Amino acid sequence: MFGLSPWELLLIFLAILLLFGAKRLPEIGSSLGRGIREFKGSIKEVEGNVRGELPKETSAPSAHQETAQPRTSNTEV
């Protein structure tokens, strides 16, 4: 995993445990998980907005088409 041996991972975990303490680790983990969930949710929301708006823009008439006057022919019969 990430090119680290199990001993290196254990050493990193122990250093984090000493820095933050055993009581604080669950709080850090839950807030980190909450942040990741919110980030993923916002990414899905943005993707949905982008995918939902593209077909509407292509099918809707442009502002130029709405204001354009119909052409009349100059030749009279």
C-alpha atoms as a PDB file:
ATOM      1  CA  MET A   1       0.000   0.000   0.000  1.00  0.00           C
ATOM      2  CA  PHE A   2       1.568   3.278  -1.183  1.00  0.00           C
ATOM      3  CA  GLY A   3       4.942   1.535  -1.274  1.00  0.00           C
ATOM      4  CA  LEU A   4       5.184   1.467   2.536  1.00  0.00           C
ATOM      5  CA  SER A   5       5.949  -1.601   4.588  1.00  0.00           C
ATOM      6  CA  PRO A   6       3.674  -2.600   7.483  1.00  0.00           C
ATOM      7  CA  TRP A   7       6.328  -1.417   9.963  1.00  0.00           C
ATOM      8  CA  GLU A   8       6.432   2.035   8.409  1.00  0.00           C
ATOM      9  CA  LEU A   9       2.626   2.278   8.533  1.00  0.00           C
ATOM     10  CA  LEU A  10       2.668   1.225  12.199  1.00  0.00           C
ATOM     11  CA  LEU A  11       5.296   3.856  12.976  1.00  0.00           C
ATOM     12  CA  ILE A  12       3.231   6.556  11.246  1.00  0.00           C
ATOM     13  CA  PHE A  13       0.110   5.492  13.136  1.00  0.00           C
ATOM     14  CA  LEU A  14       1.966   5.612  16.471  1.00  0.00           C
ATOM     15  CA  ALA A  15       3.311   9.088  15.685  1.00  0.00           C
ATOM     16  CA  ILE A  16      -0.218  10.303  14.904  1.00  0.00           C
ATOM     17  CA  LEU A  17      -1.484   8.684  18.095  1.00  0.00           C
ATOM     18  CA  LEU A  18       1.182  10.481  20.149  1.00  0.00           C
ATOM     19  CA  LEU A  19       0.496  13.826  18.471  1.00  0.00           C
ATOM     20  CA  PHE A  20      -3.286  13.884  18.772  1.00  0.00           C
ATOM     21  CA  GLY A  21      -4.076  11.415  21.557  1.00  0.00           C
ATOM     22  CA  ALA A  22      -6.472   8.476  21.685  1.00  0.00           C
ATOM     23  CA  LYS A  23      -9.530  10.586  22.520  1.00  0.00           C
ATOM     24  CA  ARG A  24      -9.037  12.950  19.632  1.00  0.00           C
ATOM     25  CA  LEU A  25      -8.493  10.345  16.838  1.00  0.00           C
ATOM     26  CA  PRO A  26     -12.187   9.342  16.455  1.00  0.00           C
ATOM     27  CA  GLU A  27     -13.168  13.018  16.174  1.00  0.00           C
ATOM     28  CA  ILE A  28     -10.538  13.597  13.493  1.00  0.00           C
ATOM     29  CA  GLY A  29     -11.639  10.487  11.592  1.00  0.00           C
ATOM     30  CA  SER A  30     -15.321  11.382  11.655  1.00  0.00           C
ATOM     31  CA  SER A  31     -14.713  14.977  10.571  1.00  0.00           C
ATOM     32  CA  LEU A  32     -12.427  13.783   7.781  1.00  0.00           C
ATOM     33  CA  GLY A  33     -15.079  11.301   6.614  1.00  0.00           C
ATOM     34  CA  ARG A  34     -17.783  13.982   6.741  1.00  0.00           C
ATOM     35  CA  GLY A  35     -15.628  16.317   4.675  1.00  0.00           C
ATOM     36  CA  ILE A  36     -14.975  13.655   2.059  1.00  0.00           C
ATOM     37  CA  ARG A  37     -18.717  12.845   1.824  1.00  0.00           C
ATOM     38  CA  GLU A  38     -19.595  16.526   1.368  1.00  0.00           C
ATOM     39  CA  PHE A  39     -16.921  16.902  -1.292  1.00  0.00           C
ATOM     40  CA  LYS A  40     -18.196  13.869  -3.225  1.00  0.00           C
ATOM     41  CA  GLY A  41     -21.765  15.143  -2.935  1.00  0.00           C
ATOM     42  CA  SER A  42     -20.848  18.543  -4.301  1.00  0.00           C
ATOM     43  CA  ILE A  43     -18.923  16.941  -7.180  1.00  0.00           C
ATOM     44  CA  LYS A  44     -21.972  14.804  -8.074  1.00  0.00           C
ATOM     45  CA  GLU A  45     -24.204  17.875  -7.880  1.00  0.00           C
ATOM     46  CA  VAL A  46     -21.950  19.859 -10.225  1.00  0.00           C
ATOM     47  CA  GLU A  47     -21.736  16.937 -12.667  1.00  0.00           C
ATOM     48  CA  GLY A  48     -25.525  16.622 -12.624  1.00  0.00           C
ATOM     49  CA  ASN A  49     -25.939  20.326 -13.292  1.00  0.00           C
ATOM     50  CA  VAL A  50     -23.481  20.252 -16.180  1.00  0.00           C
ATOM     51  CA  ARG A  51     -25.025  17.157 -17.741  1.00  0.00           C
ATOM     52  CA  GLY A  52     -28.551  18.460 -17.193  1.00  0.00           C
ATOM     53  CA  GLU A  53     -27.899  21.869 -18.761  1.00  0.00           C
ATOM     54  CA  LEU A  54     -26.137  20.757 -21.925  1.00  0.00           C
ATOM     55  CA  PRO A  55     -29.153  19.213 -23.702  1.00  0.00           C
ATOM     56  CA  LYS A  56     -31.373  22.144 -22.700  1.00  0.00           C
ATOM     57  CA  GLU A  57     -28.929  24.660 -24.199  1.00  0.00           C
ATOM     58  CA  THR A  58     -28.667  22.849 -27.511  1.00  0.00           C
ATOM     59  CA  SER A  59     -32.425  22.393 -27.937  1.00  0.00           C
ATOM     60  CA  ALA A  60     -33.427  25.906 -26.869  1.00  0.00           C
ATOM     61  CA  PRO A  61     -33.523  28.589 -29.565  1.00  0.00           C
ATOM     62  CA  SER A  62     -30.798  31.160 -29.335  1.00  0.00           C
ATOM     63  CA  ALA A  63     -31.468  34.842 -28.693  1.00  0.00           C
ATOM     64  CA  HIS A  64     -30.618  35.618 -32.323  1.00  0.00           C
ATOM     65  CA  GLN A  65     -33.242  33.199 -33.616  1.00  0.00           C
ATOM     66  CA  GLU A  66     -35.958  34.633 -31.390  1.00  0.00           C
ATOM     67  CA  THR A  67     -35.466  38.202 -32.612  1.00  0.00           C
ATOM     68  CA  ALA A  68     -34.873  37.387 -36.277  1.00  0.00           C
ATOM     69  CA  GLN A  69     -37.609  38.565 -38.666  1.00  0.00           C
ATOM     70  CA  PRO A  70     -38.899  36.188 -41.317  1.00  0.00           C
ATOM     71  CA  ARG A  71     -37.480  36.858 -44.767  1.00  0.00           C
ATOM     72  CA  THR A  72     -39.756  38.035 -47.484  1.00  0.00           C
ATOM     73  CA  SER A  73     -38.950  37.575 -51.109  1.00  0.00           C
ATOM     74  CA  ASN A  74     -38.354  40.648 -53.249  1.00  0.00           C
ATOM     75  CA  THR A  75     -39.999  39.152 -56.319  1.00  0.00           C
ATOM     76  CA  GLU A  76     -43.705  39.699 -56.722  1.00  0.00           C
ATOM     77  CA  VAL A  77     -45.910  37.543 -58.866  1.00  0.00           C
END
